[in-house]
Amino acid sequence: MPVPPKFAQNVLPRLIKARAAHGLSQRLLALRIGVSEVTVRSWETRRRTPSEDKARRWFGELSVPFPEDTDWFPPTKGPAQCGTRSGYQVHGAADQPACQACNDAQNAYMRAYRRGRR
């Protein structure tokens, strides 16, 4: 997803300046907010936009006021639906047996994966 101009022009420069003012490297900032150095670099070079949760951690670590206009965040994904591979994974994460539709989706995925058509 391309970085929204509002984020690149209004928000990002403040964060880069604040990081420099705090004397933090991208690596140290990444460790403090719980992401990889590559992720911080991709945010600062305008290749990716952080999620709202990660942006709040980023702003908080640098003591920069969080903007009220937040329409530059990427859209959040909806819940996984049964009958899909992600639905199968949700069942497993909740320690529940998968429904038949999710089992079928997982089996179809694995068959395609084994054939090299993933």
C-alpha atoms as a PDB file:
ATOM      1  CA  MET A   1       0.000   0.000   0.000  1.00  0.00           C
ATOM      2  CA  PRO A   2       1.483   3.369  -0.985  1.00  0.00           C
ATOM      3  CA  VAL A   3       2.190   5.822   1.798  1.00  0.00           C
ATOM      4  CA  PRO A   4      -0.551   8.467   1.967  1.00  0.00           C
ATOM      5  CA  PRO A   5       0.703  11.994   1.147  1.00  0.00           C
ATOM      6  CA  LYS A   6      -0.721  13.358   4.399  1.00  0.00           C
ATOM      7  CA  PHE A   7       1.469  10.975   6.396  1.00  0.00           C
ATOM      8  CA  ALA A   8       4.561  11.566   4.245  1.00  0.00           C
ATOM      9  CA  GLN A   9       4.295  15.355   4.257  1.00  0.00           C
ATOM     10  CA  ASN A  10       2.863  16.220   7.668  1.00  0.00           C
ATOM     11  CA  VAL A  11       3.599  13.410  10.096  1.00  0.00           C
ATOM     12  CA  LEU A  12       6.765  11.633   9.017  1.00  0.00           C
ATOM     13  CA  PRO A  13       9.163  14.618   9.086  1.00  0.00           C
ATOM     14  CA  ARG A  14       8.187  15.379  12.708  1.00  0.00           C
ATOM     15  CA  LEU A  15       8.908  11.781  13.729  1.00  0.00           C
ATOM     16  CA  ILE A  16      12.279  11.663  11.993  1.00  0.00           C
ATOM     17  CA  LYS A  17      13.328  14.962  13.619  1.00  0.00           C
ATOM     18  CA  ALA A  18      12.118  13.761  17.025  1.00  0.00           C
ATOM     19  CA  ARG A  19      14.096  10.520  16.704  1.00  0.00           C
ATOM     20  CA  ALA A  20      17.235  12.483  15.868  1.00  0.00           C
ATOM     21  CA  ALA A  21      16.596  14.912  18.746  1.00  0.00           C
ATOM     22  CA  HIS A  22      16.321  11.971  21.157  1.00  0.00           C
ATOM     23  CA  GLY A  23      19.586  10.575  19.810  1.00  0.00           C
ATOM     24  CA  LEU A  24      17.988   7.260  18.845  1.00  0.00           C
ATOM     25  CA  SER A  25      19.104   5.110  15.959  1.00  0.00           C
ATOM     26  CA  GLN A  26      16.506   3.293  13.885  1.00  0.00           C
ATOM     27  CA  ARG A  27      17.655   0.085  15.546  1.00  0.00           C
ATOM     28  CA  LEU A  28      17.212   1.369  19.095  1.00  0.00           C
ATOM     29  CA  LEU A  29      13.830   2.889  18.282  1.00  0.00           C
ATOM     30  CA  ALA A  30      12.754  -0.426  16.754  1.00  0.00           C
ATOM     31  CA  LEU A  31      13.764  -2.317  19.897  1.00  0.00           C
ATOM     32  CA  ARG A  32      11.858   0.115  22.095  1.00  0.00           C
ATOM     33  CA  ILE A  33       8.610  -0.088  20.151  1.00  0.00           C
ATOM     34  CA  GLY A  34       8.785  -3.815  19.407  1.00  0.00           C
ATOM     35  CA  VAL A  35       9.359  -3.910  15.642  1.00  0.00           C
ATOM     36  CA  SER A  36      12.352  -4.703  13.448  1.00  0.00           C
ATOM     37  CA  GLU A  37      14.888  -2.155  12.291  1.00  0.00           C
ATOM     38  CA  VAL A  38      13.811  -2.896   8.714  1.00  0.00           C
ATOM     39  CA  THR A  39      10.252  -1.914   9.626  1.00  0.00           C
ATOM     40  CA  VAL A  40      11.319   1.453  11.061  1.00  0.00           C
ATOM     41  CA  ARG A  41      13.479   2.055   7.996  1.00  0.00           C
ATOM     42  CA  SER A  42      10.568   1.233   5.672  1.00  0.00           C
ATOM     43  CA  TRP A  43       8.356   3.719   7.551  1.00  0.00           C
ATOM     44  CA  GLU A  44      10.968   6.469   7.425  1.00  0.00           C
ATOM     45  CA  THR A  45      11.750   5.919   3.744  1.00  0.00           C
ATOM     46  CA  ARG A  46       8.040   6.046   2.877  1.00  0.00           C
ATOM     47  CA  ARG A  47       7.760   2.441   1.702  1.00  0.00           C
ATOM     48  CA  ARG A  48       5.190   1.425   4.343  1.00  0.00           C
ATOM     49  CA  THR A  49       2.699   3.037   6.702  1.00  0.00           C
ATOM     50  CA  PRO A  50       2.535   1.831  10.310  1.00  0.00           C
ATOM     51  CA  SER A  51      -0.665   0.458  11.783  1.00  0.00           C
ATOM     52  CA  GLU A  52      -2.400   2.674  14.334  1.00  0.00           C
ATOM     53  CA  ASP A  53      -1.135   0.580  17.245  1.00  0.00           C
ATOM     54  CA  LYS A  54       2.487   0.752  16.086  1.00  0.00           C
ATOM     55  CA  ALA A  55       2.195   4.444  15.249  1.00  0.00           C
ATOM     56  CA  ARG A  56       0.929   5.170  18.769  1.00  0.00           C
ATOM     57  CA  ARG A  57       3.968   3.356  20.199  1.00  0.00           C
ATOM     58  CA  TRP A  58       6.237   5.270  17.813  1.00  0.00           C
ATOM     59  CA  PHE A  59       4.760   8.646  18.789  1.00  0.00           C
ATOM     60  CA  GLY A  60       4.799   7.757  22.480  1.00  0.00           C
ATOM     61  CA  GLU A  61       8.429   6.688  22.492  1.00  0.00           C
ATOM     62  CA  LEU A  62       9.431  10.001  20.911  1.00  0.00           C
ATOM     63  CA  SER A  63       7.074  12.107  23.067  1.00  0.00           C
ATOM     64  CA  VAL A  64       5.376  13.509  19.970  1.00  0.00           C
ATOM     65  CA  PRO A  65       1.659  14.362  20.346  1.00  0.00           C
ATOM     66  CA  PHE A  66      -0.470  11.874  18.451  1.00  0.00           C
ATOM     67  CA  PRO A  67      -2.369  13.622  15.605  1.00  0.00           C
ATOM     68  CA  GLU A  68      -6.131  13.818  15.826  1.00  0.00           C
ATOM     69  CA  ASP A  69      -6.525  13.354  12.075  1.00  0.00           C
ATOM     70  CA  THR A  70      -5.747   9.667  11.617  1.00  0.00           C
ATOM     71  CA  ASP A  71      -7.257   8.861   8.234  1.00  0.00           C
ATOM     72  CA  TRP A  72      -3.784   7.987   6.918  1.00  0.00           C
ATOM     73  CA  PHE A  73      -3.728   4.590   8.685  1.00  0.00           C
ATOM     74  CA  PRO A  74      -4.050   1.501   6.520  1.00  0.00           C
ATOM     75  CA  PRO A  75      -7.456  -0.143   6.758  1.00  0.00           C
ATOM     76  CA  THR A  76      -7.748  -2.942   9.276  1.00  0.00           C
ATOM     77  CA  LYS A  77      -8.673  -6.406   8.112  1.00  0.00           C
ATOM     78  CA  GLY A  78     -12.019  -7.828   9.052  1.00  0.00           C
ATOM     79  CA  PRO A  79     -12.378 -11.061  10.992  1.00  0.00           C
ATOM     80  CA  ALA A  80     -11.419 -14.289   9.271  1.00  0.00           C
ATOM     81  CA  GLN A  81     -14.368 -16.176   7.841  1.00  0.00           C
ATOM     82  CA  CYS A  82     -15.010 -19.886   8.121  1.00  0.00           C
ATOM     83  CA  GLY A  83     -14.288 -21.771   4.947  1.00  0.00           C
ATOM     84  CA  THR A  84     -10.968 -19.994   4.407  1.00  0.00           C
ATOM     85  CA  ARG A  85      -7.404 -20.837   5.333  1.00  0.00           C
ATOM     86  CA  SER A  86      -7.275 -17.865   7.705  1.00  0.00           C
ATOM     87  CA  GLY A  87     -10.455 -19.170   9.326  1.00  0.00           C
ATOM     88  CA  TYR A  88      -8.660 -22.472   9.877  1.00  0.00           C
ATOM     89  CA  GLN A  89      -5.806 -20.616  11.574  1.00  0.00           C
ATOM     90  CA  VAL A  90      -8.221 -18.752  13.855  1.00  0.00           C
ATOM     91  CA  HIS A  91      -9.664 -22.057  15.041  1.00  0.00           C
ATOM     92  CA  GLY A  92      -6.158 -23.299  15.863  1.00  0.00           C
ATOM     93  CA  ALA A  93      -5.201 -20.108  17.694  1.00  0.00           C
ATOM     94  CA  ALA A  94      -8.316 -20.423  19.851  1.00  0.00           C
ATOM     95  CA  ASP A  95      -7.591 -24.104  20.589  1.00  0.00           C
ATOM     96  CA  GLN A  96     -10.859 -25.105  18.951  1.00  0.00           C
ATOM     97  CA  PRO A  97     -11.365 -27.880  16.455  1.00  0.00           C
ATOM     98  CA  ALA A  98     -11.736 -26.470  12.955  1.00  0.00           C
ATOM     99  CA  CYS A  99     -15.116 -26.681  11.252  1.00  0.00           C
ATOM    100  CA  GLN A 100     -15.442 -28.808   8.111  1.00  0.00           C
ATOM    101  CA  ALA A 101     -15.378 -25.782   5.784  1.00  0.00           C
ATOM    102  CA  CYS A 102     -12.100 -24.550   7.294  1.00  0.00           C
ATOM    103  CA  ASN A 103     -10.600 -28.058   7.164  1.00  0.00           C
ATOM    104  CA  ASP A 104     -11.518 -28.260   3.472  1.00  0.00           C
ATOM    105  CA  ALA A 105      -9.886 -24.877   2.809  1.00  0.00           C
ATOM    106  CA  GLN A 106      -6.708 -25.900   4.627  1.00  0.00           C
ATOM    107  CA  ASN A 107      -6.558 -29.228   2.772  1.00  0.00           C
ATOM    108  CA  ALA A 108      -6.980 -27.461  -0.589  1.00  0.00           C
ATOM    109  CA  TYR A 109      -4.197 -25.047   0.321  1.00  0.00           C
ATOM    110  CA  MET A 110      -1.852 -27.873   1.324  1.00  0.00           C
ATOM    111  CA  ARG A 111      -2.572 -29.827  -1.882  1.00  0.00           C
ATOM    112  CA  ALA A 112      -1.756 -26.747  -3.988  1.00  0.00           C
ATOM    113  CA  TYR A 113       1.343 -26.053  -1.890  1.00  0.00           C
ATOM    114  CA  ARG A 114       2.669 -29.574  -2.422  1.00  0.00           C
ATOM    115  CA  ARG A 115       2.149 -29.202  -6.171  1.00  0.00           C
ATOM    116  CA  GLY A 116       4.009 -25.901  -6.148  1.00  0.00           C
ATOM    117  CA  ARG A 117       0.991 -23.748  -6.988  1.00  0.00           C
ATOM    118  CA  ARG A 118       0.710 -21.763  -3.831  1.00  0.00           C
END
